[in-house]
C-alpha cells in the first residue's frame, strides 16, 4: 500500500475513533457505534498492511463486537 494512503487511513481512522469514544462518553447511541466501527475498519486495513498480528487480532475482535451492537440496534 502507498505510504501516503496508509498514513491518511491511519490518522483519519484515529480521529474517527476519538470522536466515537467521545460520543460514547456522552451516551450518543447508535452513532458512537457506527463511527467506532468505521474507525476500527480503517485500522484493520492499516494493520493488514503492516502485517502486525496483534493489531489484526484486536481489530477483528472489536469489529465483531461492534457488528453485534449494530445488529442488536437494527433488530430493536
PDB file of N, CA and C in Angstrom:
ATOM      1  N   UNK A   1       0.852  -1.183   0.000  1.00  0.00           N
ATOM      2  CA  UNK A   1       0.000   0.000   0.000  1.00  0.00           C
ATOM      3  C   UNK A   1       0.892   1.239   0.000  1.00  0.00           C
ATOM      4  N   UNK A   2       0.459   2.251  -0.703  1.00  0.00           N
ATOM      5  CA  UNK A   2       1.146   3.536  -0.755  1.00  0.00           C
ATOM      6  C   UNK A   2       1.252   4.118   0.666  1.00  0.00           C
ATOM      7  N   UNK A   3       2.436   4.563   1.050  1.00  0.00           N
ATOM      8  CA  UNK A   3       2.661   5.088   2.412  1.00  0.00           C
ATOM      9  C   UNK A   3       1.800   6.309   2.709  1.00  0.00           C
ATOM     10  N   UNK A   4       1.558   7.149   1.697  1.00  0.00           N
ATOM     11  CA  UNK A   4       0.713   8.328   1.909  1.00  0.00           C
ATOM     12  C   UNK A   4      -0.719   7.901   2.193  1.00  0.00           C
ATOM     13  N   UNK A   5      -1.247   6.982   1.404  1.00  0.00           N
ATOM     14  CA  UNK A   5      -2.604   6.479   1.630  1.00  0.00           C
ATOM     15  C   UNK A   5      -2.698   5.792   2.977  1.00  0.00           C
ATOM     16  N   UNK A   6      -1.693   5.007   3.315  1.00  0.00           N
ATOM     17  CA  UNK A   6      -1.653   4.320   4.607  1.00  0.00           C
ATOM     18  C   UNK A   6      -1.708   5.327   5.750  1.00  0.00           C
ATOM     19  N   UNK A   7      -0.948   6.394   5.635  1.00  0.00           N
ATOM     20  CA  UNK A   7      -0.931   7.427   6.673  1.00  0.00           C
ATOM     21  C   UNK A   7      -2.277   8.140   6.775  1.00  0.00           C
ATOM     22  N   UNK A   8      -2.894   8.412   5.640  1.00  0.00           N
ATOM     23  CA  UNK A   8      -4.216   9.058   5.647  1.00  0.00           C
ATOM     24  C   UNK A   8      -5.236   8.161   6.340  1.00  0.00           C
ATOM     25  N   UNK A   9      -5.239   6.871   6.014  1.00  0.00           N
ATOM     26  CA  UNK A   9      -6.176   5.936   6.637  1.00  0.00           C
ATOM     27  C   UNK A   9      -5.898   5.822   8.134  1.00  0.00           C
ATOM     28  N   UNK A  10      -4.624   5.717   8.483  1.00  0.00           N
ATOM     29  CA  UNK A  10      -4.230   5.595   9.896  1.00  0.00           C
ATOM     30  C   UNK A  10      -4.731   6.778  10.724  1.00  0.00           C
ATOM     31  N   UNK A  11      -4.450   7.993  10.263  1.00  0.00           N
ATOM     32  CA  UNK A  11      -4.794   9.169  11.059  1.00  0.00           C
ATOM     33  C   UNK A  11      -6.278   9.530  10.986  1.00  0.00           C
ATOM     34  N   UNK A  12      -6.906   9.303   9.854  1.00  0.00           N
ATOM     35  CA  UNK A  12      -8.354   9.573   9.793  1.00  0.00           C
ATOM     36  C   UNK A  12      -9.108   8.555  10.646  1.00  0.00           C
ATOM     37  N   UNK A  13      -8.658   7.315  10.652  1.00  0.00           N
ATOM     38  CA  UNK A  13      -9.290   6.296  11.494  1.00  0.00           C
ATOM     39  C   UNK A  13      -9.095   6.612  12.972  1.00  0.00           C
ATOM     40  N   UNK A  14      -7.929   7.117  13.312  1.00  0.00           N
ATOM     41  CA  UNK A  14      -7.673   7.524  14.690  1.00  0.00           C
ATOM     42  C   UNK A  14      -8.621   8.648  15.102  1.00  0.00           C
ATOM     43  N   UNK A  15      -8.776   9.646  14.244  1.00  0.00           N
ATOM     44  CA  UNK A  15      -9.689  10.763  14.548  1.00  0.00           C
ATOM     45  C   UNK A  15     -11.129  10.269  14.680  1.00  0.00           C
ATOM     46  N   UNK A  16     -11.540   9.384  13.790  1.00  0.00           N
ATOM     47  CA  UNK A  16     -12.905   8.840  13.846  1.00  0.00           C
ATOM     48  C   UNK A  16     -13.116   8.072  15.144  1.00  0.00           C
ATOM     49  N   UNK A  17     -12.121   7.284  15.554  1.00  0.00           N
ATOM     50  CA  UNK A  17     -12.240   6.549  16.816  1.00  0.00           C
ATOM     51  C   UNK A  17     -12.322   7.490  18.013  1.00  0.00           C
ATOM     52  N   UNK A  18     -11.574   8.567  17.990  1.00  0.00           N
ATOM     53  CA  UNK A  18     -11.635   9.541  19.088  1.00  0.00           C
ATOM     54  C   UNK A  18     -13.029  10.151  19.172  1.00  0.00           C
ATOM     55  N   UNK A  19     -13.604  10.498  18.030  1.00  0.00           N
ATOM     56  CA  UNK A  19     -14.973  11.037  18.026  1.00  0.00           C
ATOM     57  C   UNK A  19     -15.945   9.973  18.531  1.00  0.00           C
ATOM     58  N   UNK A  20     -15.766   8.725  18.102  1.00  0.00           N
ATOM     59  CA  UNK A  20     -16.632   7.640  18.567  1.00  0.00           C
ATOM     60  C   UNK A  20     -16.574   7.465  20.073  1.00  0.00           C
ATOM     61  N   UNK A  21     -15.381   7.544  20.644  1.00  0.00           N
ATOM     62  CA  UNK A  21     -15.228   7.431  22.098  1.00  0.00           C
ATOM     63  C   UNK A  21     -15.878   8.625  22.802  1.00  0.00           C
ATOM     64  N   UNK A  22     -15.703   9.812  22.235  1.00  0.00           N
ATOM     65  CA  UNK A  22     -16.339  10.998  22.824  1.00  0.00           C
ATOM     66  C   UNK A  22     -17.857  10.854  22.812  1.00  0.00           C
ATOM     67  N   UNK A  23     -18.413  10.361  21.708  1.00  0.00           N
ATOM     68  CA  UNK A  23     -19.862  10.147  21.637  1.00  0.00           C
ATOM     69  C   UNK A  23     -20.309   9.108  22.656  1.00  0.00           C
ATOM     70  N   UNK A  24     -19.486   8.097  22.871  1.00  0.00           N
ATOM     71  CA  UNK A  24     -19.809   7.085  23.886  1.00  0.00           C
ATOM     72  C   UNK A  24     -19.858   7.719  25.264  1.00  0.00           C
ATOM     73  N   UNK A  25     -18.930   8.620  25.553  1.00  0.00           N
ATOM     74  CA  UNK A  25     -18.906   9.245  26.875  1.00  0.00           C
ATOM     75  C   UNK A  25     -20.138  10.114  27.119  1.00  0.00           C
ATOM     76  N   UNK A  26     -20.762  10.585  26.032  1.00  0.00           N
ATOM     77  CA  UNK A  26     -21.997  11.370  26.157  1.00  0.00           C
ATOM     78  C   UNK A  26     -23.237  10.534  25.857  1.00  0.00           C
ATOM     79  N   UNK A  27     -23.049   9.215  25.743  1.00  0.00           N
ATOM     80  CA  UNK A  27     -24.131   8.267  25.522  1.00  0.00           C
ATOM     81  C   UNK A  27     -24.951   8.603  24.270  1.00  0.00           C
ATOM     82  N   UNK A  28     -24.257   8.936  23.209  1.00  0.00           N
ATOM     83  CA  UNK A  28     -24.928   9.237  21.934  1.00  0.00           C
ATOM     84  C   UNK A  28     -24.899   7.962  21.099  1.00  0.00           C
ATOM     85  N   UNK A  29     -25.981   7.196  21.236  1.00  0.00           N
ATOM     86  CA  UNK A  29     -26.096   5.878  20.624  1.00  0.00           C
ATOM     87  C   UNK A  29     -27.150   5.927  19.548  1.00  0.00           C
ATOM     88  N   UNK A  30     -27.017   5.315  18.439  1.00  0.00           N
ATOM     89  CA  UNK A  30     -26.013   4.369  17.981  1.00  0.00           C
ATOM     90  C   UNK A  30     -24.882   5.007  17.166  1.00  0.00           C
ATOM     91  N   UNK A  31     -24.866   6.345  17.015  1.00  0.00           N
ATOM     92  CA  UNK A  31     -23.831   6.984  16.203  1.00  0.00           C
ATOM     93  C   UNK A  31     -22.427   6.636  16.697  1.00  0.00           C
ATOM     94  N   UNK A  32     -22.275   6.517  18.018  1.00  0.00           N
ATOM     95  CA  UNK A  32     -20.960   6.165  18.565  1.00  0.00           C
ATOM     96  C   UNK A  32     -20.475   4.814  18.043  1.00  0.00           C
ATOM     97  N   UNK A  33     -21.382   3.861  17.939  1.00  0.00           N
ATOM     98  CA  UNK A  33     -21.008   2.525  17.473  1.00  0.00           C
ATOM     99  C   UNK A  33     -20.647   2.557  15.990  1.00  0.00           C
ATOM    100  N   UNK A  34     -21.434   3.272  15.195  1.00  0.00           N
ATOM    101  CA  UNK A  34     -21.163   3.353  13.759  1.00  0.00           C
ATOM    102  C   UNK A  34     -19.809   4.006  13.475  1.00  0.00           C
ATOM    103  N   UNK A  35     -19.527   5.097  14.166  1.00  0.00           N
ATOM    104  CA  UNK A  35     -18.245   5.774  13.944  1.00  0.00           C
ATOM    105  C   UNK A  35     -17.071   4.930  14.442  1.00  0.00           C
ATOM    106  N   UNK A  36     -17.234   4.331  15.601  1.00  0.00           N
ATOM    107  CA  UNK A  36     -16.164   3.486  16.126  1.00  0.00           C
ATOM    108  C   UNK A  36     -15.900   2.303  15.198  1.00  0.00           C
ATOM    109  N   UNK A  37     -16.959   1.736  14.650  1.00  0.00           N
ATOM    110  CA  UNK A  37     -16.819   0.623  13.716  1.00  0.00           C
ATOM    111  C   UNK A  37     -16.074   1.074  12.458  1.00  0.00           C
ATOM    112  N   UNK A  38     -16.397   2.255  11.953  1.00  0.00           N
ATOM    113  CA  UNK A  38     -15.715   2.778  10.764  1.00  0.00           C
ATOM    114  C   UNK A  38     -14.225   3.000  11.048  1.00  0.00           C
ATOM    115  N   UNK A  39     -13.916   3.591  12.193  1.00  0.00           N
ATOM    116  CA  UNK A  39     -12.520   3.791  12.570  1.00  0.00           C
ATOM    117  C   UNK A  39     -11.788   2.473  12.761  1.00  0.00           C
ATOM    118  N   UNK A  40     -12.484   1.522  13.330  1.00  0.00           N
ATOM    119  CA  UNK A  40     -11.928   0.193  13.530  1.00  0.00           C
ATOM    120  C   UNK A  40     -11.598  -0.479  12.206  1.00  0.00           C
ATOM    121  N   UNK A  41     -12.476  -0.365  11.226  1.00  0.00           N
ATOM    122  CA  UNK A  41     -12.209  -0.955   9.913  1.00  0.00           C
ATOM    123  C   UNK A  41     -10.999  -0.305   9.256  1.00  0.00           C
ATOM    124  N   UNK A  42     -10.870   1.010   9.417  1.00  0.00           N
ATOM    125  CA  UNK A  42      -9.696   1.693   8.885  1.00  0.00           C
ATOM    126  C   UNK A  42      -8.418   1.163   9.510  1.00  0.00           C
ATOM    127  N   UNK A  43      -8.437   0.977  10.820  1.00  0.00           N
ATOM    128  CA  UNK A  43      -7.262   0.445  11.497  1.00  0.00           C
ATOM    129  C   UNK A  43      -7.004  -0.998  11.115  1.00  0.00           C
ATOM    130  N   UNK A  44      -8.049  -1.754  10.809  1.00  0.00           N
ATOM    131  CA  UNK A  44      -7.851  -3.128  10.342  1.00  0.00           C
ATOM    132  C   UNK A  44      -7.102  -3.120   9.006  1.00  0.00           C
ATOM    133  N   UNK A  45      -7.455  -2.199   8.132  1.00  0.00           N
ATOM    134  CA  UNK A  45      -6.754  -2.077   6.844  1.00  0.00           C
ATOM    135  C   UNK A  45      -5.274  -1.762   7.073  1.00  0.00           C
ATOM    136  N   UNK A  46      -5.009  -0.835   7.978  1.00  0.00           N
ATOM    137  CA  UNK A  46      -3.619  -0.471   8.277  1.00  0.00           C
ATOM    138  C   UNK A  46      -2.880  -1.656   8.899  1.00  0.00           C
ATOM    139  N   UNK A  47      -3.514  -2.339   9.835  1.00  0.00           N
ATOM    140  CA  UNK A  47      -2.879  -3.488  10.489  1.00  0.00           C
ATOM    141  C   UNK A  47      -2.538  -4.574   9.476  1.00  0.00           C
ATOM    142  N   UNK A  48      -3.446  -4.817   8.529  1.00  0.00           N
ATOM    143  CA  UNK A  48      -3.179  -5.806   7.487  1.00  0.00           C
ATOM    144  C   UNK A  48      -2.000  -5.360   6.615  1.00  0.00           C
ATOM    145  N   UNK A  49      -1.944  -4.072   6.318  1.00  0.00           N
ATOM    146  CA  UNK A  49      -0.846  -3.543   5.520  1.00  0.00           C
ATOM    147  C   UNK A  49       0.490  -3.704   6.240  1.00  0.00           C
ATOM    148  N   UNK A  50       0.470  -3.488   7.552  1.00  0.00           N
ATOM    149  CA  UNK A  50       1.680  -3.623   8.358  1.00  0.00           C
ATOM    150  C   UNK A  50       2.013  -5.081   8.668  1.00  0.00           C
ATOM    151  N   UNK A  51       1.053  -5.979   8.445  1.00  0.00           N
ATOM    152  CA  UNK A  51       1.190  -7.402   8.800  1.00  0.00           C
ATOM    153  C   UNK A  51       1.512  -7.569  10.289  1.00  0.00           C
ATOM    154  N   UNK A  52       0.821  -6.757  11.104  1.00  0.00           N
ATOM    155  CA  UNK A  52       1.042  -6.763  12.548  1.00  0.00           C
ATOM    156  C   UNK A  52      -0.064  -7.594  13.201  1.00  0.00           C
ATOM    157  N   UNK A  53       0.270  -8.827  13.571  1.00  0.00           N
ATOM    158  CA  UNK A  53      -0.729  -9.785  14.030  1.00  0.00           C
ATOM    159  C   UNK A  53      -1.514  -9.309  15.255  1.00  0.00           C
ATOM    160  N   UNK A  54      -0.841  -8.679  16.197  1.00  0.00           N
ATOM    161  CA  UNK A  54      -1.546  -8.229  17.405  1.00  0.00           C
ATOM    162  C   UNK A  54      -2.609  -7.181  17.062  1.00  0.00           C
ATOM    163  N   UNK A  55      -2.292  -6.269  16.159  1.00  0.00           N
ATOM    164  CA  UNK A  55      -3.272  -5.264  15.740  1.00  0.00           C
ATOM    165  C   UNK A  55      -4.401  -5.891  14.931  1.00  0.00           C
ATOM    166  N   UNK A  56      -4.070  -6.859  14.101  1.00  0.00           N
ATOM    167  CA  UNK A  56      -5.100  -7.532  13.299  1.00  0.00           C
ATOM    168  C   UNK A  56      -6.089  -8.241  14.212  1.00  0.00           C
ATOM    169  N   UNK A  57      -5.583  -8.950  15.209  1.00  0.00           N
ATOM    170  CA  UNK A  57      -6.468  -9.686  16.123  1.00  0.00           C
ATOM    171  C   UNK A  57      -7.393  -8.738  16.869  1.00  0.00           C
ATOM    172  N   UNK A  58      -6.851  -7.679  17.460  1.00  0.00           N
ATOM    173  CA  UNK A  58      -7.699  -6.770  18.237  1.00  0.00           C
ATOM    174  C   UNK A  58      -8.717  -6.064  17.344  1.00  0.00           C
ATOM    175  N   UNK A  59      -8.337  -5.718  16.128  1.00  0.00           N
ATOM    176  CA  UNK A  59      -9.277  -5.042  15.229  1.00  0.00           C
ATOM    177  C   UNK A  59     -10.396  -5.981  14.794  1.00  0.00           C
ATOM    178  N   UNK A  60     -10.083  -7.250  14.555  1.00  0.00           N
ATOM    179  CA  UNK A  60     -11.126  -8.215  14.187  1.00  0.00           C
ATOM    180  C   UNK A  60     -12.070  -8.443  15.354  1.00  0.00           C
ATOM    181  N   UNK A  61     -11.527  -8.609  16.552  1.00  0.00           N
ATOM    182  CA  UNK A  61     -12.371  -8.809  17.735  1.00  0.00           C
ATOM    183  C   UNK A  61     -13.278  -7.597  17.945  1.00  0.00           C
ATOM    184  N   UNK A  62     -12.705  -6.399  17.845  1.00  0.00           N
ATOM    185  CA  UNK A  62     -13.514  -5.186  18.013  1.00  0.00           C
ATOM    186  C   UNK A  62     -14.581  -5.075  16.926  1.00  0.00           C
ATOM    187  N   UNK A  63     -14.242  -5.423  15.698  1.00  0.00           N
ATOM    188  CA  UNK A  63     -15.220  -5.359  14.601  1.00  0.00           C
ATOM    189  C   UNK A  63     -16.391  -6.289  14.868  1.00  0.00           C
ATOM    190  N   UNK A  64     -16.121  -7.482  15.364  1.00  0.00           N
ATOM    191  CA  UNK A  64     -17.201  -8.425  15.691  1.00  0.00           C
ATOM    192  C   UNK A  64     -18.089  -7.859  16.793  1.00  0.00           C
ATOM    193  N   UNK A  65     -17.485  -7.260  17.799  1.00  0.00           N
ATOM    194  CA  UNK A  65     -18.259  -6.670  18.891  1.00  0.00           C
ATOM    195  C   UNK A  65     -19.104  -5.507  18.382  1.00  0.00           C
ATOM    196  N   UNK A  66     -18.516  -4.636  17.570  1.00  0.00           N
ATOM    197  CA  UNK A  66     -19.281  -3.525  17.014  1.00  0.00           C
ATOM    198  C   UNK A  66     -20.416  -4.021  16.121  1.00  0.00           C
ATOM    199  N   UNK A  67     -20.154  -5.048  15.307  1.00  0.00           N
ATOM    200  CA  UNK A  67     -21.211  -5.590  14.445  1.00  0.00           C
ATOM    201  C   UNK A  67     -22.353  -6.163  15.276  1.00  0.00           C
ATOM    202  N   UNK A  68     -22.025  -6.811  16.383  1.00  0.00           N
ATOM    203  CA  UNK A  68     -23.074  -7.336  17.266  1.00  0.00           C
ATOM    204  C   UNK A  68     -23.939  -6.191  17.796  1.00  0.00           C
ATOM    205  N   UNK A  69     -23.304  -5.091  18.186  1.00  0.00           N
ATOM    206  CA  UNK A  69     -24.061  -3.926  18.655  1.00  0.00           C
ATOM    207  C   UNK A  69     -24.914  -3.312  17.560  1.00  0.00           C
ATOM    208  N   UNK A  70     -24.373  -3.248  16.355  1.00  0.00           N
ATOM    209  CA  UNK A  70     -25.126  -2.685  15.231  1.00  0.00           C
ATOM    210  C   UNK A  70     -26.319  -3.573  14.902  1.00  0.00           C
ATOM    211  N   UNK A  71     -26.116  -4.897  14.826  1.00  0.00           N
ATOM    212  CA  UNK A  71     -27.231  -5.809  14.545  1.00  0.00           C
ATOM    213  C   UNK A  71     -28.281  -5.755  15.640  1.00  0.00           C
ATOM    214  N   UNK A  72     -27.824  -5.635  16.877  1.00  0.00           N
ATOM    215  CA  UNK A  72     -28.760  -5.530  18.005  1.00  0.00           C
ATOM    216  C   UNK A  72     -29.603  -4.267  17.893  1.00  0.00           C
ATOM    217  N   UNK A  73     -28.981  -3.156  17.506  1.00  0.00           N
ATOM    218  CA  UNK A  73     -29.699  -1.895  17.369  1.00  0.00           C
ATOM    219  C   UNK A  73     -30.683  -1.957  16.196  1.00  0.00           C
ATOM    220  N   UNK A  74     -30.289  -2.600  15.098  1.00  0.00           N
ATOM    221  CA  UNK A  74     -31.154  -2.707  13.938  1.00  0.00           C
ATOM    222  C   UNK A  74     -32.386  -3.557  14.266  1.00  0.00           C
ATOM    223  N   UNK A  75     -32.200  -4.614  15.050  1.00  0.00           N
ATOM    224  CA  UNK A  75     -33.310  -5.512  15.401  1.00  0.00           C
ATOM    225  C   UNK A  75     -34.329  -4.848  16.308  1.00  0.00           C
ATOM    226  N   UNK A  76     -33.898  -3.845  17.097  1.00  0.00           N
ATOM    227  CA  UNK A  76     -34.858  -3.227  18.038  1.00  0.00           C
ATOM    228  C   UNK A  76     -35.656  -2.119  17.432  1.00  0.00           C
TER     229      UNK A  76
END
